[in-house]
Structures are given as structure tokens and as C-alpha cells.
């Protein structure tokens, strides 16, 4: 696969994961911004914050 994808976006972040490459700072920042916006939206809707799942949680479920 080639490395010509949109860096600095969530799509770019996912592509790094798919290609198993080191995530660049721009893509990581885009992911953080996206997650923070989603958490703010959940809070505004009156929903509790999402619980982080750990490997142990997934294994025990």
C-alpha cells in the first residue's frame, strides 16, 4: 500500500492503523480532537462518559 493518504484526519489515523505504520502527530491530533468532540456531544446529550475498555475487559466479556 502507498503512503498517499490524508494525513491530519481521522481517516488518516485509521489508515495508519490498517497499514500498521507509526501514527504521525497530525493524524493523532485529529483523532484526539474527534474523540473529545464526541465526548462533549455525549455530555451535552446527558449521557454518561464512555467507559474505556481494557484488554482484560474484552477477554472477560
C-alpha atoms as a PDB file:
ATOM      1  CA  UNK A   1       0.000   0.000   0.000  1.00  0.00           C
ATOM      2  CA  UNK A   2       1.105   3.519  -0.626  1.00  0.00           C
ATOM      3  CA  UNK A   3       1.575   6.289   1.873  1.00  0.00           C
ATOM      4  CA  UNK A   4      -0.504   8.847  -0.061  1.00  0.00           C
ATOM      5  CA  UNK A   5      -3.475   9.299   2.231  1.00  0.00           C
ATOM      6  CA  UNK A   6      -4.897  12.355   4.008  1.00  0.00           C
ATOM      7  CA  UNK A   7      -2.643  12.990   6.987  1.00  0.00           C
ATOM      8  CA  UNK A   8      -4.111  15.115   9.773  1.00  0.00           C
ATOM      9  CA  UNK A   9      -7.533  13.457   9.578  1.00  0.00           C
ATOM     10  CA  UNK A  10      -9.335  10.656  11.370  1.00  0.00           C
ATOM     11  CA  UNK A  11      -9.300   8.796   8.067  1.00  0.00           C
ATOM     12  CA  UNK A  12      -5.522   9.139   8.018  1.00  0.00           C
ATOM     13  CA  UNK A  13      -5.349   7.857  11.601  1.00  0.00           C
ATOM     14  CA  UNK A  14      -7.372   4.778  10.651  1.00  0.00           C
ATOM     15  CA  UNK A  15      -5.174   4.212   7.622  1.00  0.00           C
ATOM     16  CA  UNK A  16      -2.091   4.209   9.849  1.00  0.00           C
ATOM     17  CA  UNK A  17      -3.733   1.518  11.963  1.00  0.00           C
ATOM     18  CA  UNK A  18      -4.757  -0.501   8.915  1.00  0.00           C
ATOM     19  CA  UNK A  19      -1.272  -0.359   7.422  1.00  0.00           C
ATOM     20  CA  UNK A  20       0.349  -0.906  10.834  1.00  0.00           C
ATOM     21  CA  UNK A  21       2.537   2.163  10.469  1.00  0.00           C
ATOM     22  CA  UNK A  22       3.583   4.648  13.120  1.00  0.00           C
ATOM     23  CA  UNK A  23       0.825   7.226  13.527  1.00  0.00           C
ATOM     24  CA  UNK A  24       2.030  10.718  12.614  1.00  0.00           C
ATOM     25  CA  UNK A  25       1.441  13.610  15.010  1.00  0.00           C
ATOM     26  CA  UNK A  26      -1.118  15.270  12.723  1.00  0.00           C
ATOM     27  CA  UNK A  27      -3.292  12.150  12.485  1.00  0.00           C
ATOM     28  CA  UNK A  28      -3.018  11.524  16.206  1.00  0.00           C
ATOM     29  CA  UNK A  29      -4.088  15.111  16.935  1.00  0.00           C
ATOM     30  CA  UNK A  30      -7.074  14.710  14.581  1.00  0.00           C
ATOM     31  CA  UNK A  31      -8.114  11.529  16.411  1.00  0.00           C
ATOM     32  CA  UNK A  32      -7.854  13.239  19.801  1.00  0.00           C
ATOM     33  CA  UNK A  33      -9.888  16.214  18.600  1.00  0.00           C
ATOM     34  CA  UNK A  34     -12.555  13.916  17.161  1.00  0.00           C
ATOM     35  CA  UNK A  35     -12.833  11.846  20.360  1.00  0.00           C
ATOM     36  CA  UNK A  36     -13.036  14.993  22.508  1.00  0.00           C
ATOM     37  CA  UNK A  37     -15.842  16.375  20.313  1.00  0.00           C
ATOM     38  CA  UNK A  38     -17.754  13.094  20.583  1.00  0.00           C
ATOM     39  CA  UNK A  39     -17.367  13.089  24.367  1.00  0.00           C
ATOM     40  CA  UNK A  40     -18.621  16.690  24.565  1.00  0.00           C
ATOM     41  CA  UNK A  41     -21.631  15.727  22.434  1.00  0.00           C
ATOM     42  CA  UNK A  42     -22.404  12.790  24.733  1.00  0.00           C
ATOM     43  CA  UNK A  43     -22.157  15.054  27.768  1.00  0.00           C
ATOM     44  CA  UNK A  44     -24.418  17.674  26.145  1.00  0.00           C
ATOM     45  CA  UNK A  45     -26.982  14.929  25.442  1.00  0.00           C
ATOM     46  CA  UNK A  46     -26.942  13.984  29.127  1.00  0.00           C
ATOM     47  CA  UNK A  47     -25.278  10.622  28.574  1.00  0.00           C
ATOM     48  CA  UNK A  48     -22.584   9.341  30.928  1.00  0.00           C
ATOM     49  CA  UNK A  49     -18.999   9.295  29.685  1.00  0.00           C
ATOM     50  CA  UNK A  50     -17.994   6.142  27.833  1.00  0.00           C
ATOM     51  CA  UNK A  51     -16.010   3.659  29.830  1.00  0.00           C
ATOM     52  CA  UNK A  52     -12.647   2.699  28.417  1.00  0.00           C
ATOM     53  CA  UNK A  53     -12.340  -0.981  27.663  1.00  0.00           C
ATOM     54  CA  UNK A  54      -9.157  -2.745  28.513  1.00  0.00           C
ATOM     55  CA  UNK A  55      -7.852  -5.990  27.086  1.00  0.00           C
ATOM     56  CA  UNK A  56      -8.896  -7.705  30.286  1.00  0.00           C
ATOM     57  CA  UNK A  57     -12.467  -6.338  29.958  1.00  0.00           C
ATOM     58  CA  UNK A  58     -12.727  -7.668  26.416  1.00  0.00           C
ATOM     59  CA  UNK A  59     -11.351 -11.038  27.404  1.00  0.00           C
ATOM     60  CA  UNK A  60     -13.699 -11.416  30.382  1.00  0.00           C
ATOM     61  CA  UNK A  61     -16.817 -10.386  28.443  1.00  0.00           C
END
